[in-house]
Amino acid sequence: FMKYIFSCLLSLFLFSCGAPEPRNSDITVKYFGTVESKSDVFYTTENELRSLIKQESAHNVIFIRSHCPPCSKLISHLKDRGFINKVVFLNGDLDWVKSVAAMMGIKATPTMVVVKKGEPDYRFEGPAEIMMYLIRH
């Protein structure tokens, strides 16, 4: 029953807006010379995520943070193994990503959720678990 409620809440949250527009540039917000917010092409946006989870195929969604050493190691391993295109990254420093993570009970990064037909199917925490799953699939 809880999984059904979670799926409904996630769907309402993520399907509330229109289709995504592709991004082709980085965005940095500075306030008095201090970087307050940074969004780059590396991360998936909220609209891009909505579009992805509407698809029938499964997607590997990884929650990471910018100053997380295990996240950096994972990204390096994904690049080395050629798996970087098998995953999408959500910037765990952004409020909307924090909200999604909280709804899913994610408390640590990196965490990967395999989303099939708009619903979370599997969850893996830490670089080792994530890499083992991607190597097998």
C-alpha atoms as a PDB file:
ATOM      1  CA  PHE A   1       0.000   0.000   0.000  1.00  0.00           C
ATOM      2  CA  MET A   2       2.837   2.411   0.895  1.00  0.00           C
ATOM      3  CA  LYS A   3       4.541   1.668  -2.429  1.00  0.00           C
ATOM      4  CA  TYR A   4       1.307   2.621  -4.226  1.00  0.00           C
ATOM      5  CA  ILE A   5       1.026   5.902  -2.311  1.00  0.00           C
ATOM      6  CA  PHE A   6       4.693   6.669  -2.984  1.00  0.00           C
ATOM      7  CA  SER A   7       4.239   5.954  -6.703  1.00  0.00           C
ATOM      8  CA  CYS A   8       1.224   8.257  -6.866  1.00  0.00           C
ATOM      9  CA  LEU A   9       3.040  11.070  -5.048  1.00  0.00           C
ATOM     10  CA  LEU A  10       6.134  10.676  -7.220  1.00  0.00           C
ATOM     11  CA  SER A  11       4.024  10.686 -10.369  1.00  0.00           C
ATOM     12  CA  LEU A  12       2.112  13.798  -9.315  1.00  0.00           C
ATOM     13  CA  PHE A  13       5.309  15.591  -8.409  1.00  0.00           C
ATOM     14  CA  LEU A  14       7.197  14.660 -11.552  1.00  0.00           C
ATOM     15  CA  PHE A  15       4.386  14.845 -14.125  1.00  0.00           C
ATOM     16  CA  SER A  16       3.064  18.251 -13.109  1.00  0.00           C
ATOM     17  CA  CYS A  17       4.720  20.211 -15.930  1.00  0.00           C
ATOM     18  CA  GLY A  18       5.129  19.969 -19.698  1.00  0.00           C
ATOM     19  CA  ALA A  19       7.775  18.407 -21.925  1.00  0.00           C
ATOM     20  CA  PRO A  20      11.447  19.228 -21.326  1.00  0.00           C
ATOM     21  CA  GLU A  21      13.551  21.453 -23.505  1.00  0.00           C
ATOM     22  CA  PRO A  22      17.106  20.235 -24.114  1.00  0.00           C
ATOM     23  CA  ARG A  23      19.780  22.190 -22.323  1.00  0.00           C
ATOM     24  CA  ASN A  24      23.071  23.019 -24.009  1.00  0.00           C
ATOM     25  CA  SER A  25      24.816  25.330 -21.562  1.00  0.00           C
ATOM     26  CA  ASP A  26      25.983  25.602 -17.986  1.00  0.00           C
ATOM     27  CA  ILE A  27      24.318  28.006 -15.556  1.00  0.00           C
ATOM     28  CA  THR A  28      26.134  29.539 -12.601  1.00  0.00           C
ATOM     29  CA  VAL A  29      24.574  31.985 -10.133  1.00  0.00           C
ATOM     30  CA  LYS A  30      26.989  34.169  -8.169  1.00  0.00           C
ATOM     31  CA  TYR A  31      26.144  36.554  -5.367  1.00  0.00           C
ATOM     32  CA  PHE A  32      28.902  38.982  -4.416  1.00  0.00           C
ATOM     33  CA  GLY A  33      31.464  36.698  -6.057  1.00  0.00           C
ATOM     34  CA  THR A  34      30.313  33.537  -4.269  1.00  0.00           C
ATOM     35  CA  VAL A  35      28.825  30.695  -6.317  1.00  0.00           C
ATOM     36  CA  GLU A  36      25.339  30.143  -4.889  1.00  0.00           C
ATOM     37  CA  SER A  37      24.048  27.701  -7.464  1.00  0.00           C
ATOM     38  CA  LYS A  38      25.519  25.808 -10.381  1.00  0.00           C
ATOM     39  CA  SER A  39      23.732  23.707 -12.936  1.00  0.00           C
ATOM     40  CA  ASP A  40      25.606  22.105 -15.759  1.00  0.00           C
ATOM     41  CA  VAL A  41      24.812  19.844 -18.671  1.00  0.00           C
ATOM     42  CA  PHE A  42      26.125  16.853 -16.689  1.00  0.00           C
ATOM     43  CA  TYR A  43      23.071  16.747 -14.437  1.00  0.00           C
ATOM     44  CA  THR A  44      19.550  15.814 -15.482  1.00  0.00           C
ATOM     45  CA  THR A  45      16.960  18.546 -14.968  1.00  0.00           C
ATOM     46  CA  GLU A  46      13.549  18.076 -13.395  1.00  0.00           C
ATOM     47  CA  ASN A  47      11.848  18.315 -16.794  1.00  0.00           C
ATOM     48  CA  GLU A  48      14.296  15.847 -18.359  1.00  0.00           C
ATOM     49  CA  LEU A  49      13.615  13.391 -15.530  1.00  0.00           C
ATOM     50  CA  ARG A  50       9.859  13.714 -16.038  1.00  0.00           C
ATOM     51  CA  SER A  51      10.306  12.898 -19.711  1.00  0.00           C
ATOM     52  CA  LEU A  52      12.566   9.903 -18.996  1.00  0.00           C
ATOM     53  CA  ILE A  53      10.280   8.220 -16.495  1.00  0.00           C
ATOM     54  CA  LYS A  54       7.341   8.451 -18.894  1.00  0.00           C
ATOM     55  CA  GLN A  55       9.197   6.085 -21.207  1.00  0.00           C
ATOM     56  CA  GLU A  56       8.690   2.316 -21.126  1.00  0.00           C
ATOM     57  CA  SER A  57      12.389   1.485 -20.782  1.00  0.00           C
ATOM     58  CA  ALA A  58      14.253   1.307 -17.475  1.00  0.00           C
ATOM     59  CA  HIS A  59      16.546   4.142 -16.415  1.00  0.00           C
ATOM     60  CA  ASN A  60      19.392   4.151 -13.917  1.00  0.00           C
ATOM     61  CA  VAL A  61      19.037   7.362 -11.899  1.00  0.00           C
ATOM     62  CA  ILE A  62      21.952   8.254  -9.630  1.00  0.00           C
ATOM     63  CA  PHE A  63      21.650  10.791  -6.822  1.00  0.00           C
ATOM     64  CA  ILE A  64      25.030  12.491  -6.275  1.00  0.00           C
ATOM     65  CA  ARG A  65      26.349  15.634  -4.593  1.00  0.00           C
ATOM     66  CA  SER A  66      29.068  17.963  -5.839  1.00  0.00           C
ATOM     67  CA  HIS A  67      31.415  17.646  -2.825  1.00  0.00           C
ATOM     68  CA  CYS A  68      31.014  13.905  -2.242  1.00  0.00           C
ATOM     69  CA  PRO A  69      34.285  11.914  -2.605  1.00  0.00           C
ATOM     70  CA  PRO A  70      32.501   8.553  -3.179  1.00  0.00           C
ATOM     71  CA  CYS A  71      30.385  10.262  -5.885  1.00  0.00           C
ATOM     72  CA  SER A  72      33.529  11.516  -7.619  1.00  0.00           C
ATOM     73  CA  LYS A  73      35.062   8.030  -7.488  1.00  0.00           C
ATOM     74  CA  LEU A  74      31.882   6.526  -8.923  1.00  0.00           C
ATOM     75  CA  ILE A  75      31.830   9.012 -11.803  1.00  0.00           C
ATOM     76  CA  SER A  76      35.463   8.208 -12.552  1.00  0.00           C
ATOM     77  CA  HIS A  77      34.737   4.454 -12.582  1.00  0.00           C
ATOM     78  CA  LEU A  78      31.675   4.951 -14.787  1.00  0.00           C
ATOM     79  CA  LYS A  79      33.761   6.906 -17.288  1.00  0.00           C
ATOM     80  CA  ASP A  80      36.600   4.344 -17.214  1.00  0.00           C
ATOM     81  CA  ARG A  81      34.203   1.434 -17.831  1.00  0.00           C
ATOM     82  CA  GLY A  82      32.182   3.236 -20.499  1.00  0.00           C
ATOM     83  CA  PHE A  83      29.018   3.178 -18.362  1.00  0.00           C
ATOM     84  CA  ILE A  84      28.565   6.949 -18.158  1.00  0.00           C
ATOM     85  CA  ASN A  85      25.865   6.862 -20.862  1.00  0.00           C
ATOM     86  CA  LYS A  86      23.926   4.110 -19.043  1.00  0.00           C
ATOM     87  CA  VAL A  87      22.973   6.442 -16.194  1.00  0.00           C
ATOM     88  CA  VAL A  88      21.481   9.851 -15.508  1.00  0.00           C
ATOM     89  CA  PHE A  89      22.648  12.019 -12.635  1.00  0.00           C
ATOM     90  CA  LEU A  90      20.576  14.130 -10.271  1.00  0.00           C
ATOM     91  CA  ASN A  91      22.333  16.926  -8.394  1.00  0.00           C
ATOM     92  CA  GLY A  92      21.592  16.181  -4.746  1.00  0.00           C
ATOM     93  CA  ASP A  93      22.498  19.765  -3.823  1.00  0.00           C
ATOM     94  CA  LEU A  94      19.313  21.094  -5.483  1.00  0.00           C
ATOM     95  CA  ASP A  95      16.080  21.483  -3.512  1.00  0.00           C
ATOM     96  CA  TRP A  96      13.866  19.591  -5.994  1.00  0.00           C
ATOM     97  CA  VAL A  97      16.299  16.640  -5.958  1.00  0.00           C
ATOM     98  CA  LYS A  98      16.387  16.722  -2.153  1.00  0.00           C
ATOM     99  CA  SER A  99      12.575  16.522  -2.170  1.00  0.00           C
ATOM    100  CA  VAL A 100      12.545  13.528  -4.524  1.00  0.00           C
ATOM    101  CA  ALA A 101      15.269  11.817  -2.474  1.00  0.00           C
ATOM    102  CA  ALA A 102      13.328  12.409   0.750  1.00  0.00           C
ATOM    103  CA  MET A 103      10.144  10.950  -0.779  1.00  0.00           C
ATOM    104  CA  MET A 104      12.143   7.865  -1.778  1.00  0.00           C
ATOM    105  CA  GLY A 105      13.869   7.553   1.605  1.00  0.00           C
ATOM    106  CA  ILE A 106      17.328   8.211   0.153  1.00  0.00           C
ATOM    107  CA  LYS A 107      19.693   9.504   2.811  1.00  0.00           C
ATOM    108  CA  ALA A 108      23.131   8.849   1.333  1.00  0.00           C
ATOM    109  CA  THR A 109      24.962   9.568  -1.897  1.00  0.00           C
ATOM    110  CA  PRO A 110      25.725   8.077  -4.263  1.00  0.00           C
ATOM    111  CA  THR A 111      22.501   6.101  -4.510  1.00  0.00           C
ATOM    112  CA  MET A 112      21.137   4.660  -7.738  1.00  0.00           C
ATOM    113  CA  VAL A 113      17.467   3.905  -8.322  1.00  0.00           C
ATOM    114  CA  VAL A 114      16.415   1.822 -11.304  1.00  0.00           C
ATOM    115  CA  VAL A 115      13.142   3.331 -12.526  1.00  0.00           C
ATOM    116  CA  LYS A 116      10.882   1.180 -14.703  1.00  0.00           C
ATOM    117  CA  LYS A 117       7.644   2.562 -16.160  1.00  0.00           C
ATOM    118  CA  GLY A 118       7.763   5.525 -13.773  1.00  0.00           C
ATOM    119  CA  GLU A 119       8.168   3.482 -10.604  1.00  0.00           C
ATOM    120  CA  PRO A 120      11.304   2.784  -8.558  1.00  0.00           C
ATOM    121  CA  ASP A 121      12.239  -0.870  -8.929  1.00  0.00           C
ATOM    122  CA  TYR A 122      15.695  -1.422  -7.420  1.00  0.00           C
ATOM    123  CA  ARG A 123      17.927   0.714  -5.211  1.00  0.00           C
ATOM    124  CA  PHE A 124      21.690   0.527  -4.735  1.00  0.00           C
ATOM    125  CA  GLU A 125      23.807   2.547  -2.298  1.00  0.00           C
ATOM    126  CA  GLY A 126      27.500   3.261  -2.691  1.00  0.00           C
ATOM    127  CA  PRO A 127      29.892   3.006  -5.629  1.00  0.00           C
ATOM    128  CA  ALA A 128      30.514  -0.747  -5.226  1.00  0.00           C
ATOM    129  CA  GLU A 129      26.844  -1.779  -5.317  1.00  0.00           C
ATOM    130  CA  ILE A 130      26.112   0.563  -8.210  1.00  0.00           C
ATOM    131  CA  MET A 131      29.078  -0.672 -10.268  1.00  0.00           C
ATOM    132  CA  MET A 132      28.260  -4.339  -9.587  1.00  0.00           C
ATOM    133  CA  TYR A 133      24.702  -3.851 -10.845  1.00  0.00           C
ATOM    134  CA  LEU A 134      25.834  -2.006 -13.981  1.00  0.00           C
ATOM    135  CA  ILE A 135      28.496  -4.630 -14.758  1.00  0.00           C
ATOM    136  CA  ARG A 136      25.870  -7.408 -14.567  1.00  0.00           C
ATOM    137  CA  HIS A 137      23.302  -5.524 -16.640  1.00  0.00           C
END
